[in-house]
């Protein structure tokens, strides 16, 4: 996997956390740098750990699925990408009024990282440096989540759907590229 592909994957996996961060910041002027950094660190850490967990689970299953690994990676990325794209075209809903406490923040971070877990499992089927991917995802999520809280009061719900749609299409494209690469060899 090229550095460009890792970067694209990292940004795509960060979009759910970015959107949740926009929601946290959309609640008004009290969304300052402290809340933004705390949100970024929690989301970034969780998003960095979940692909590692998924990758570990995928490696454990690898010997059983080696002959169809490219199809599994394709299906997982397609499913995650389609879900994201469909979420992006749904009419915008008001941001949830979850609390700003640590427990609410951690629960939101875990909820937004399920996609990274599934992608991590699919990456176990490929020859990738999972540590580089996890670091890229964590750093991208930290930056985007921090920026999301700060931008939330200005951007709110206006652009969230478009970002999620684009992220879903990127994952679908990545899944198709993996399948095409394996079928051509």
N, C-alpha and C. Protein backbone atom coordinates (compact mmCIF):
# COMPACT_ATOMS: atom_id res chain seq x y z
N UNK A 1 0.86 -1.17 0.00
CA UNK A 1 0.00 0.00 0.00
C UNK A 1 0.91 1.23 0.00
N UNK A 2 0.64 2.13 -0.92
CA UNK A 2 1.48 3.33 -1.06
C UNK A 2 1.20 4.32 0.07
N UNK A 3 2.09 5.26 0.23
CA UNK A 3 1.90 6.31 1.23
C UNK A 3 0.65 7.13 0.94
N UNK A 4 0.40 7.38 -0.35
CA UNK A 4 -0.80 8.12 -0.73
C UNK A 4 -2.06 7.36 -0.33
N UNK A 5 -2.07 6.05 -0.59
CA UNK A 5 -3.24 5.23 -0.24
C UNK A 5 -3.44 5.19 1.27
N UNK A 6 -2.35 5.10 2.03
CA UNK A 6 -2.46 5.11 3.50
C UNK A 6 -3.02 6.45 3.96
N UNK A 7 -2.54 7.54 3.39
CA UNK A 7 -3.05 8.87 3.76
C UNK A 7 -4.52 9.02 3.43
N UNK A 8 -4.91 8.57 2.26
CA UNK A 8 -6.31 8.65 1.84
C UNK A 8 -7.19 7.80 2.77
N UNK A 9 -6.72 6.62 3.10
CA UNK A 9 -7.45 5.75 4.02
C UNK A 9 -7.57 6.39 5.39
N UNK A 10 -6.48 6.99 5.86
CA UNK A 10 -6.49 7.63 7.18
C UNK A 10 -7.50 8.77 7.25
N UNK A 11 -7.52 9.61 6.23
CA UNK A 11 -8.47 10.72 6.22
C UNK A 11 -9.90 10.20 6.13
N UNK A 12 -10.11 9.19 5.29
CA UNK A 12 -11.45 8.62 5.14
C UNK A 12 -11.95 8.03 6.45
N UNK A 13 -11.10 7.30 7.15
CA UNK A 13 -11.52 6.71 8.43
C UNK A 13 -11.71 7.76 9.51
N UNK A 14 -11.13 8.93 9.32
CA UNK A 14 -11.27 10.01 10.30
C UNK A 14 -12.56 10.80 10.14
N UNK A 15 -13.26 10.61 9.03
CA UNK A 15 -14.42 11.45 8.74
C UNK A 15 -15.55 11.29 9.75
N UNK A 16 -15.83 10.06 10.21
CA UNK A 16 -16.89 9.88 11.21
C UNK A 16 -16.56 10.65 12.48
N UNK A 17 -15.31 10.56 12.90
CA UNK A 17 -14.90 11.29 14.11
C UNK A 17 -14.97 12.79 13.87
N UNK A 18 -14.60 13.23 12.68
CA UNK A 18 -14.69 14.65 12.34
C UNK A 18 -16.14 15.13 12.43
N UNK A 19 -17.06 14.35 11.88
CA UNK A 19 -18.47 14.73 11.91
C UNK A 19 -19.01 14.77 13.33
N UNK A 20 -18.62 13.79 14.14
CA UNK A 20 -19.04 13.80 15.55
C UNK A 20 -18.45 15.02 16.26
N UNK A 21 -17.24 15.38 15.92
CA UNK A 21 -16.59 16.55 16.52
C UNK A 21 -17.28 17.84 16.10
N UNK A 22 -17.72 17.90 14.85
CA UNK A 22 -18.50 19.06 14.41
C UNK A 22 -19.73 19.22 15.30
N UNK A 23 -20.36 18.09 15.61
CA UNK A 23 -21.54 18.12 16.47
C UNK A 23 -21.22 18.63 17.86
N UNK A 24 -20.09 18.21 18.40
CA UNK A 24 -19.69 18.69 19.73
C UNK A 24 -19.42 20.19 19.69
N UNK A 25 -18.82 20.66 18.61
CA UNK A 25 -18.50 22.07 18.51
C UNK A 25 -19.69 22.93 18.12
N UNK A 26 -20.71 22.32 17.52
CA UNK A 26 -21.87 23.09 17.04
C UNK A 26 -22.75 23.59 18.17
N UNK A 27 -22.44 23.19 19.38
CA UNK A 27 -23.29 23.60 20.49
C UNK A 27 -22.97 24.98 21.03
N UNK A 28 -22.13 25.70 20.35
CA UNK A 28 -21.95 27.08 20.75
C UNK A 28 -20.53 27.51 21.05
N UNK A 29 -20.38 28.73 21.52
CA UNK A 29 -19.07 29.33 21.71
C UNK A 29 -18.26 28.70 22.84
N UNK A 30 -18.88 27.84 23.65
CA UNK A 30 -18.12 27.21 24.73
C UNK A 30 -17.18 26.13 24.21
N UNK A 31 -17.24 25.84 22.92
CA UNK A 31 -16.37 24.83 22.31
C UNK A 31 -15.00 25.46 22.05
N UNK A 32 -14.17 25.50 23.07
CA UNK A 32 -12.87 26.13 22.94
C UNK A 32 -11.77 25.13 22.67
N UNK A 33 -10.54 25.60 22.77
CA UNK A 33 -9.37 24.79 22.45
C UNK A 33 -9.21 23.60 23.40
N UNK A 34 -9.57 23.75 24.67
CA UNK A 34 -9.46 22.64 25.62
C UNK A 34 -10.34 21.47 25.23
N UNK A 35 -11.61 21.75 24.94
CA UNK A 35 -12.53 20.70 24.50
C UNK A 35 -12.07 20.11 23.17
N UNK A 36 -11.59 20.97 22.28
CA UNK A 36 -11.14 20.51 20.97
C UNK A 36 -9.96 19.54 21.10
N UNK A 37 -8.97 19.89 21.91
CA UNK A 37 -7.80 19.02 22.07
C UNK A 37 -8.15 17.72 22.77
N UNK A 38 -8.98 17.80 23.81
CA UNK A 38 -9.40 16.58 24.51
C UNK A 38 -10.14 15.65 23.56
N UNK A 39 -11.03 16.21 22.76
CA UNK A 39 -11.78 15.42 21.79
C UNK A 39 -10.82 14.79 20.78
N UNK A 40 -9.88 15.58 20.26
CA UNK A 40 -8.92 15.07 19.29
C UNK A 40 -8.07 13.95 19.82
N UNK A 41 -7.59 14.09 21.05
CA UNK A 41 -6.73 13.05 21.64
C UNK A 41 -7.52 11.76 21.86
N UNK A 42 -8.72 11.86 22.40
CA UNK A 42 -9.51 10.65 22.66
C UNK A 42 -9.89 9.98 21.34
N UNK A 43 -10.43 10.75 20.40
CA UNK A 43 -10.82 10.16 19.12
C UNK A 43 -9.61 9.59 18.39
N UNK A 44 -8.49 10.31 18.38
CA UNK A 44 -7.30 9.85 17.69
C UNK A 44 -6.74 8.57 18.28
N UNK A 45 -6.74 8.47 19.60
CA UNK A 45 -6.23 7.26 20.25
C UNK A 45 -7.11 6.05 19.93
N UNK A 46 -8.41 6.22 20.06
CA UNK A 46 -9.32 5.11 19.78
C UNK A 46 -9.25 4.70 18.31
N UNK A 47 -9.20 5.67 17.41
CA UNK A 47 -9.12 5.37 15.98
C UNK A 47 -7.79 4.70 15.61
N UNK A 48 -6.73 4.96 16.34
CA UNK A 48 -5.45 4.30 16.07
C UNK A 48 -5.43 2.87 16.59
N UNK A 49 -6.12 2.62 17.68
CA UNK A 49 -6.11 1.28 18.28
C UNK A 49 -7.03 0.31 17.53
N UNK A 50 -8.18 0.77 17.07
CA UNK A 50 -9.15 -0.15 16.48
C UNK A 50 -8.67 -0.84 15.20
N UNK A 51 -7.92 -0.19 14.29
CA UNK A 51 -7.43 -0.97 13.15
C UNK A 51 -6.43 -2.05 13.59
N UNK A 52 -5.68 -1.78 14.66
CA UNK A 52 -4.76 -2.80 15.18
C UNK A 52 -5.53 -4.01 15.70
N UNK A 53 -6.62 -3.76 16.41
CA UNK A 53 -7.45 -4.86 16.90
C UNK A 53 -8.05 -5.64 15.73
N UNK A 54 -8.61 -4.91 14.76
CA UNK A 54 -9.17 -5.56 13.58
C UNK A 54 -8.13 -6.36 12.82
N UNK A 55 -6.93 -5.80 12.69
CA UNK A 55 -5.84 -6.48 12.00
C UNK A 55 -5.48 -7.77 12.73
N UNK A 56 -5.41 -7.70 14.06
CA UNK A 56 -5.10 -8.91 14.84
C UNK A 56 -6.15 -9.99 14.63
N UNK A 57 -7.40 -9.60 14.61
CA UNK A 57 -8.47 -10.57 14.36
C UNK A 57 -8.37 -11.14 12.95
N UNK A 58 -8.03 -10.27 12.00
CA UNK A 58 -7.88 -10.71 10.62
C UNK A 58 -6.71 -11.67 10.44
N UNK A 59 -5.60 -11.39 11.11
CA UNK A 59 -4.44 -12.28 11.02
C UNK A 59 -4.78 -13.65 11.59
N UNK A 60 -5.55 -13.68 12.67
CA UNK A 60 -5.95 -14.95 13.28
C UNK A 60 -6.78 -15.79 12.30
N UNK A 61 -7.54 -15.14 11.44
CA UNK A 61 -8.40 -15.86 10.50
C UNK A 61 -7.74 -16.06 9.14
N UNK A 62 -6.56 -15.50 8.93
CA UNK A 62 -5.93 -15.47 7.62
C UNK A 62 -5.72 -16.85 7.00
N UNK A 63 -5.25 -17.80 7.76
CA UNK A 63 -4.97 -19.12 7.19
C UNK A 63 -6.24 -19.79 6.68
N UNK A 64 -7.37 -19.40 7.20
CA UNK A 64 -8.63 -20.00 6.80
C UNK A 64 -9.24 -19.35 5.56
N UNK A 65 -8.77 -18.15 5.23
CA UNK A 65 -9.39 -17.41 4.13
C UNK A 65 -8.40 -16.95 3.06
N UNK A 66 -7.19 -17.49 3.07
CA UNK A 66 -6.14 -17.00 2.17
C UNK A 66 -6.55 -17.03 0.70
N UNK A 67 -7.31 -18.00 0.27
CA UNK A 67 -7.66 -18.11 -1.15
C UNK A 67 -8.69 -17.08 -1.59
N UNK A 68 -9.41 -16.49 -0.66
CA UNK A 68 -10.45 -15.52 -1.01
C UNK A 68 -10.24 -14.18 -0.31
N UNK A 69 -9.02 -13.93 0.17
CA UNK A 69 -8.76 -12.73 0.96
C UNK A 69 -9.10 -11.45 0.22
N UNK A 70 -8.81 -11.37 -1.07
CA UNK A 70 -9.10 -10.15 -1.83
C UNK A 70 -10.60 -9.91 -1.93
N UNK A 71 -11.38 -10.96 -2.01
CA UNK A 71 -12.85 -10.80 -2.05
C UNK A 71 -13.37 -10.31 -0.70
N UNK A 72 -12.78 -10.80 0.38
CA UNK A 72 -13.21 -10.37 1.72
C UNK A 72 -12.86 -8.90 1.92
N UNK A 73 -11.64 -8.51 1.56
CA UNK A 73 -11.24 -7.11 1.69
C UNK A 73 -12.17 -6.23 0.85
N UNK A 74 -12.45 -6.67 -0.37
CA UNK A 74 -13.36 -5.93 -1.25
C UNK A 74 -14.74 -5.79 -0.60
N UNK A 75 -15.28 -6.88 -0.08
CA UNK A 75 -16.63 -6.85 0.51
C UNK A 75 -16.68 -5.95 1.74
N UNK A 76 -15.67 -6.05 2.61
CA UNK A 76 -15.66 -5.21 3.81
C UNK A 76 -15.57 -3.73 3.46
N UNK A 77 -14.67 -3.38 2.55
CA UNK A 77 -14.52 -1.97 2.17
C UNK A 77 -15.76 -1.46 1.44
N UNK A 78 -16.36 -2.31 0.62
CA UNK A 78 -17.60 -1.92 -0.06
C UNK A 78 -18.71 -1.67 0.95
N UNK A 79 -18.84 -2.57 1.92
CA UNK A 79 -19.91 -2.43 2.92
C UNK A 79 -19.73 -1.15 3.74
N UNK A 80 -18.52 -0.92 4.21
CA UNK A 80 -18.25 0.27 5.00
C UNK A 80 -18.44 1.52 4.14
N UNK A 81 -17.92 1.49 2.91
CA UNK A 81 -18.05 2.62 2.01
C UNK A 81 -19.50 2.92 1.65
N UNK A 82 -20.27 1.88 1.37
CA UNK A 82 -21.69 2.08 1.06
C UNK A 82 -22.44 2.67 2.24
N UNK A 83 -22.15 2.16 3.44
CA UNK A 83 -22.82 2.69 4.63
C UNK A 83 -22.51 4.18 4.80
N UNK A 84 -21.23 4.53 4.63
CA UNK A 84 -20.84 5.94 4.76
C UNK A 84 -21.52 6.79 3.68
N UNK A 85 -21.51 6.30 2.44
CA UNK A 85 -22.10 7.06 1.34
C UNK A 85 -23.59 7.25 1.56
N UNK A 86 -24.28 6.22 2.01
CA UNK A 86 -25.72 6.33 2.26
C UNK A 86 -26.01 7.29 3.41
N UNK A 87 -25.16 7.26 4.44
CA UNK A 87 -25.32 8.22 5.54
C UNK A 87 -25.14 9.64 5.03
N UNK A 88 -24.27 9.81 4.05
CA UNK A 88 -23.99 11.14 3.51
C UNK A 88 -25.13 11.72 2.71
N UNK A 89 -25.98 10.88 2.12
CA UNK A 89 -27.08 11.40 1.31
C UNK A 89 -28.39 11.48 2.09
N UNK A 90 -28.41 10.99 3.31
CA UNK A 90 -29.61 11.11 4.14
C UNK A 90 -29.80 12.57 4.53
N UNK A 91 -31.06 12.99 4.70
CA UNK A 91 -31.28 14.37 5.16
C UNK A 91 -30.60 14.59 6.50
N UNK A 92 -30.00 15.76 6.70
CA UNK A 92 -29.29 16.01 7.96
C UNK A 92 -30.24 15.98 9.15
N UNK A 93 -29.76 15.33 10.19
CA UNK A 93 -30.51 15.28 11.44
C UNK A 93 -29.82 16.20 12.43
N UNK A 94 -30.54 16.68 13.42
CA UNK A 94 -29.87 17.52 14.41
C UNK A 94 -28.78 16.72 15.11
N UNK A 95 -27.72 17.40 15.46
CA UNK A 95 -26.64 16.72 16.17
C UNK A 95 -27.15 16.23 17.51
N UNK A 96 -26.71 15.04 17.93
CA UNK A 96 -27.16 14.52 19.21
C UNK A 96 -26.70 15.40 20.36
N UNK A 97 -27.49 15.38 21.41
CA UNK A 97 -27.16 16.23 22.54
C UNK A 97 -26.43 15.45 23.62
N UNK A 98 -25.53 14.58 23.21
CA UNK A 98 -24.76 13.81 24.18
C UNK A 98 -23.95 14.75 25.05
N UNK A 99 -23.70 14.31 26.26
CA UNK A 99 -22.94 15.14 27.18
C UNK A 99 -21.51 15.34 26.72
N UNK A 100 -20.85 16.25 27.39
CA UNK A 100 -19.46 16.53 27.04
C UNK A 100 -18.48 15.84 27.97
N UNK A 101 -18.98 15.00 28.85
CA UNK A 101 -18.11 14.31 29.79
C UNK A 101 -17.23 13.28 29.11
N UNK A 102 -16.27 12.78 29.87
CA UNK A 102 -15.31 11.82 29.34
C UNK A 102 -15.99 10.53 28.90
N UNK A 103 -16.96 10.04 29.67
CA UNK A 103 -17.65 8.79 29.30
C UNK A 103 -18.39 8.96 27.98
N UNK A 104 -19.08 10.09 27.81
CA UNK A 104 -19.80 10.34 26.56
C UNK A 104 -18.83 10.48 25.40
N UNK A 105 -17.72 11.13 25.64
CA UNK A 105 -16.70 11.30 24.61
C UNK A 105 -16.12 9.95 24.19
N UNK A 106 -15.79 9.10 25.16
CA UNK A 106 -15.23 7.78 24.87
C UNK A 106 -16.24 6.91 24.13
N UNK A 107 -17.50 6.94 24.56
CA UNK A 107 -18.53 6.16 23.89
C UNK A 107 -18.69 6.61 22.44
N UNK A 108 -18.64 7.90 22.20
CA UNK A 108 -18.75 8.42 20.84
C UNK A 108 -17.54 8.00 20.02
N UNK A 109 -16.36 8.06 20.61
CA UNK A 109 -15.14 7.66 19.90
C UNK A 109 -15.18 6.19 19.51
N UNK A 110 -15.65 5.36 20.40
CA UNK A 110 -15.75 3.93 20.10
C UNK A 110 -16.79 3.71 19.00
N UNK A 111 -17.91 4.41 19.09
CA UNK A 111 -18.95 4.28 18.08
C UNK A 111 -18.49 4.69 16.69
N UNK A 112 -17.65 5.70 16.61
CA UNK A 112 -17.19 6.16 15.30
C UNK A 112 -16.01 5.34 14.77
N UNK A 113 -15.46 4.44 15.58
CA UNK A 113 -14.28 3.70 15.15
C UNK A 113 -14.59 2.29 14.68
N UNK A 114 -15.85 1.91 14.62
CA UNK A 114 -16.21 0.57 14.17
C UNK A 114 -15.73 0.35 12.73
N UNK A 115 -15.83 1.37 11.90
CA UNK A 115 -15.35 1.26 10.52
C UNK A 115 -13.85 0.95 10.49
N UNK A 116 -13.10 1.59 11.36
CA UNK A 116 -11.65 1.36 11.40
C UNK A 116 -11.33 -0.08 11.82
N UNK A 117 -12.15 -0.65 12.68
CA UNK A 117 -11.98 -2.05 13.08
C UNK A 117 -12.17 -2.96 11.88
N UNK A 118 -13.24 -2.74 11.11
CA UNK A 118 -13.52 -3.56 9.93
C UNK A 118 -12.43 -3.40 8.87
N UNK A 119 -11.98 -2.17 8.66
CA UNK A 119 -10.92 -1.93 7.68
C UNK A 119 -9.62 -2.58 8.15
N UNK A 120 -9.33 -2.51 9.45
CA UNK A 120 -8.14 -3.17 9.98
C UNK A 120 -8.16 -4.67 9.71
N UNK A 121 -9.33 -5.29 9.86
CA UNK A 121 -9.46 -6.72 9.58
C UNK A 121 -9.18 -7.00 8.11
N UNK A 122 -9.68 -6.14 7.23
CA UNK A 122 -9.44 -6.35 5.80
C UNK A 122 -7.97 -6.13 5.45
N UNK A 123 -7.29 -5.23 6.16
CA UNK A 123 -5.87 -4.98 5.88
C UNK A 123 -4.99 -6.15 6.28
N UNK A 124 -5.46 -6.99 7.19
CA UNK A 124 -4.70 -8.18 7.56
C UNK A 124 -4.56 -9.12 6.38
N UNK A 125 -5.45 -9.00 5.42
CA UNK A 125 -5.43 -9.86 4.25
C UNK A 125 -4.46 -9.36 3.19
N UNK A 126 -3.89 -8.20 3.40
CA UNK A 126 -2.97 -7.60 2.45
C UNK A 126 -1.61 -7.44 3.11
N UNK A 127 -0.62 -7.17 2.32
CA UNK A 127 0.70 -6.92 2.88
C UNK A 127 0.86 -5.43 3.13
N UNK A 128 0.49 -5.00 4.34
CA UNK A 128 0.60 -3.59 4.70
C UNK A 128 1.31 -3.47 6.04
N UNK A 129 1.89 -2.32 6.26
CA UNK A 129 2.49 -2.01 7.55
C UNK A 129 1.39 -1.45 8.44
N UNK A 130 0.78 -2.30 9.26
CA UNK A 130 -0.38 -1.90 10.04
C UNK A 130 -0.03 -0.81 11.05
N UNK A 131 1.19 -0.79 11.53
CA UNK A 131 1.59 0.26 12.48
C UNK A 131 1.57 1.62 11.79
N UNK A 132 2.09 1.68 10.56
CA UNK A 132 2.05 2.94 9.80
C UNK A 132 0.61 3.37 9.54
N UNK A 133 -0.24 2.42 9.20
CA UNK A 133 -1.65 2.74 8.96
C UNK A 133 -2.30 3.25 10.24
N UNK A 134 -2.08 2.55 11.35
CA UNK A 134 -2.69 2.94 12.63
C UNK A 134 -2.22 4.33 13.06
N UNK A 135 -0.93 4.61 12.91
CA UNK A 135 -0.41 5.94 13.25
C UNK A 135 -1.01 7.01 12.36
N UNK A 136 -1.09 6.73 11.06
CA UNK A 136 -1.68 7.70 10.14
C UNK A 136 -3.15 7.97 10.48
N UNK A 137 -3.88 6.92 10.79
CA UNK A 137 -5.30 7.07 11.14
C UNK A 137 -5.42 7.86 12.45
N UNK A 138 -4.60 7.53 13.44
CA UNK A 138 -4.66 8.23 14.73
C UNK A 138 -4.32 9.71 14.60
N UNK A 139 -3.27 10.01 13.86
CA UNK A 139 -2.85 11.41 13.70
C UNK A 139 -3.88 12.19 12.89
N UNK A 140 -4.36 11.57 11.81
CA UNK A 140 -5.38 12.23 11.00
C UNK A 140 -6.64 12.50 11.83
N UNK A 141 -7.05 11.53 12.62
CA UNK A 141 -8.24 11.69 13.44
C UNK A 141 -8.04 12.75 14.51
N UNK A 142 -6.87 12.77 15.13
CA UNK A 142 -6.57 13.80 16.13
C UNK A 142 -6.71 15.19 15.52
N UNK A 143 -6.11 15.38 14.36
CA UNK A 143 -6.14 16.69 13.71
C UNK A 143 -7.55 17.05 13.26
N UNK A 144 -8.22 16.13 12.58
CA UNK A 144 -9.56 16.44 12.07
C UNK A 144 -10.57 16.60 13.19
N UNK A 145 -10.47 15.82 14.24
CA UNK A 145 -11.42 15.95 15.36
C UNK A 145 -11.21 17.26 16.10
N UNK A 146 -9.97 17.62 16.32
CA UNK A 146 -9.69 18.90 16.97
C UNK A 146 -10.23 20.05 16.13
N UNK A 147 -9.94 20.01 14.84
CA UNK A 147 -10.44 21.05 13.94
C UNK A 147 -11.96 21.01 13.86
N UNK A 148 -12.54 19.81 13.92
CA UNK A 148 -13.99 19.68 13.85
C UNK A 148 -14.71 20.38 14.99
N UNK A 149 -14.18 20.24 16.19
CA UNK A 149 -14.80 20.91 17.34
C UNK A 149 -14.72 22.42 17.14
N UNK A 150 -13.55 22.90 16.73
CA UNK A 150 -13.37 24.34 16.56
C UNK A 150 -14.22 24.89 15.41
N UNK A 151 -14.38 24.11 14.37
CA UNK A 151 -15.16 24.57 13.21
C UNK A 151 -16.65 24.31 13.36
N UNK A 152 -17.01 23.48 14.31
CA UNK A 152 -18.40 23.06 14.46
C UNK A 152 -19.40 24.17 14.57
N UNK A 153 -19.07 25.17 15.32
CA UNK A 153 -20.05 26.26 15.49
C UNK A 153 -20.24 27.07 14.21
N UNK A 154 -19.30 26.95 13.26
CA UNK A 154 -19.42 27.69 12.00
C UNK A 154 -19.98 26.83 10.87
N UNK A 155 -19.55 25.57 10.82
CA UNK A 155 -19.94 24.70 9.71
C UNK A 155 -21.19 23.88 10.02
N UNK A 156 -21.29 23.46 11.29
CA UNK A 156 -22.45 22.69 11.72
C UNK A 156 -22.79 21.56 10.77
N UNK A 157 -24.05 21.51 10.37
CA UNK A 157 -24.54 20.42 9.54
C UNK A 157 -24.44 20.70 8.05
N UNK A 158 -23.96 21.85 7.67
CA UNK A 158 -23.97 22.25 6.26
C UNK A 158 -23.19 21.31 5.35
N UNK A 159 -21.98 20.88 5.75
CA UNK A 159 -21.13 20.11 4.86
C UNK A 159 -20.89 18.68 5.30
N UNK A 160 -21.45 18.26 6.42
CA UNK A 160 -21.19 16.92 6.95
C UNK A 160 -21.59 15.81 6.00
N UNK A 161 -22.75 15.90 5.38
CA UNK A 161 -23.22 14.86 4.47
C UNK A 161 -22.32 14.69 3.27
N UNK A 162 -21.86 15.80 2.72
CA UNK A 162 -20.96 15.72 1.56
C UNK A 162 -19.65 15.03 1.91
N UNK A 163 -19.12 15.35 3.09
CA UNK A 163 -17.85 14.73 3.51
C UNK A 163 -18.03 13.23 3.69
N UNK A 164 -19.14 12.82 4.28
CA UNK A 164 -19.36 11.39 4.49
C UNK A 164 -19.58 10.67 3.17
N UNK A 165 -20.32 11.27 2.25
CA UNK A 165 -20.53 10.68 0.93
C UNK A 165 -19.19 10.49 0.21
N UNK A 166 -18.35 11.52 0.23
CA UNK A 166 -17.05 11.44 -0.42
C UNK A 166 -16.19 10.35 0.23
N UNK A 167 -16.18 10.28 1.56
CA UNK A 167 -15.42 9.25 2.25
C UNK A 167 -15.88 7.86 1.88
N UNK A 168 -17.18 7.66 1.78
CA UNK A 168 -17.72 6.36 1.39
C UNK A 168 -17.29 5.98 -0.01
N UNK A 169 -17.31 6.94 -0.93
CA UNK A 169 -16.89 6.66 -2.30
C UNK A 169 -15.40 6.33 -2.37
N UNK A 170 -14.60 6.97 -1.53
CA UNK A 170 -13.16 6.66 -1.49
C UNK A 170 -12.94 5.22 -1.04
N UNK A 171 -13.66 4.77 0.00
CA UNK A 171 -13.51 3.39 0.47
C UNK A 171 -13.98 2.40 -0.60
N UNK A 172 -15.07 2.70 -1.28
CA UNK A 172 -15.54 1.83 -2.36
C UNK A 172 -14.47 1.73 -3.45
N UNK A 173 -13.89 2.87 -3.81
CA UNK A 173 -12.82 2.88 -4.81
C UNK A 173 -11.61 2.07 -4.38
N UNK A 174 -11.24 2.19 -3.10
CA UNK A 174 -10.11 1.43 -2.58
C UNK A 174 -10.41 -0.07 -2.64
N UNK A 175 -11.62 -0.47 -2.28
CA UNK A 175 -12.01 -1.88 -2.36
C UNK A 175 -11.94 -2.40 -3.78
N UNK A 176 -12.42 -1.60 -4.73
CA UNK A 176 -12.37 -1.99 -6.15
C UNK A 176 -10.92 -2.10 -6.64
N UNK A 177 -10.07 -1.19 -6.19
CA UNK A 177 -8.66 -1.23 -6.60
C UNK A 177 -7.97 -2.48 -6.07
N UNK A 178 -8.27 -2.87 -4.83
CA UNK A 178 -7.69 -4.08 -4.25
C UNK A 178 -8.13 -5.30 -5.06
N UNK A 179 -9.43 -5.37 -5.35
CA UNK A 179 -9.94 -6.51 -6.12
C UNK A 179 -9.33 -6.55 -7.50
N UNK A 180 -9.27 -5.41 -8.18
CA UNK A 180 -8.69 -5.36 -9.52
C UNK A 180 -7.23 -5.77 -9.52
N UNK A 181 -6.48 -5.34 -8.49
CA UNK A 181 -5.07 -5.70 -8.39
C UNK A 181 -4.89 -7.21 -8.22
N UNK A 182 -5.70 -7.83 -7.40
CA UNK A 182 -5.58 -9.26 -7.17
C UNK A 182 -6.06 -10.08 -8.37
N UNK A 183 -7.08 -9.60 -9.07
CA UNK A 183 -7.59 -10.33 -10.21
C UNK A 183 -6.66 -10.22 -11.41
N UNK A 184 -5.86 -9.15 -11.47
CA UNK A 184 -4.96 -8.97 -12.60
C UNK A 184 -3.66 -9.74 -12.46
N UNK A 185 -3.39 -10.29 -11.27
CA UNK A 185 -2.14 -11.04 -11.09
C UNK A 185 -2.34 -12.52 -11.19
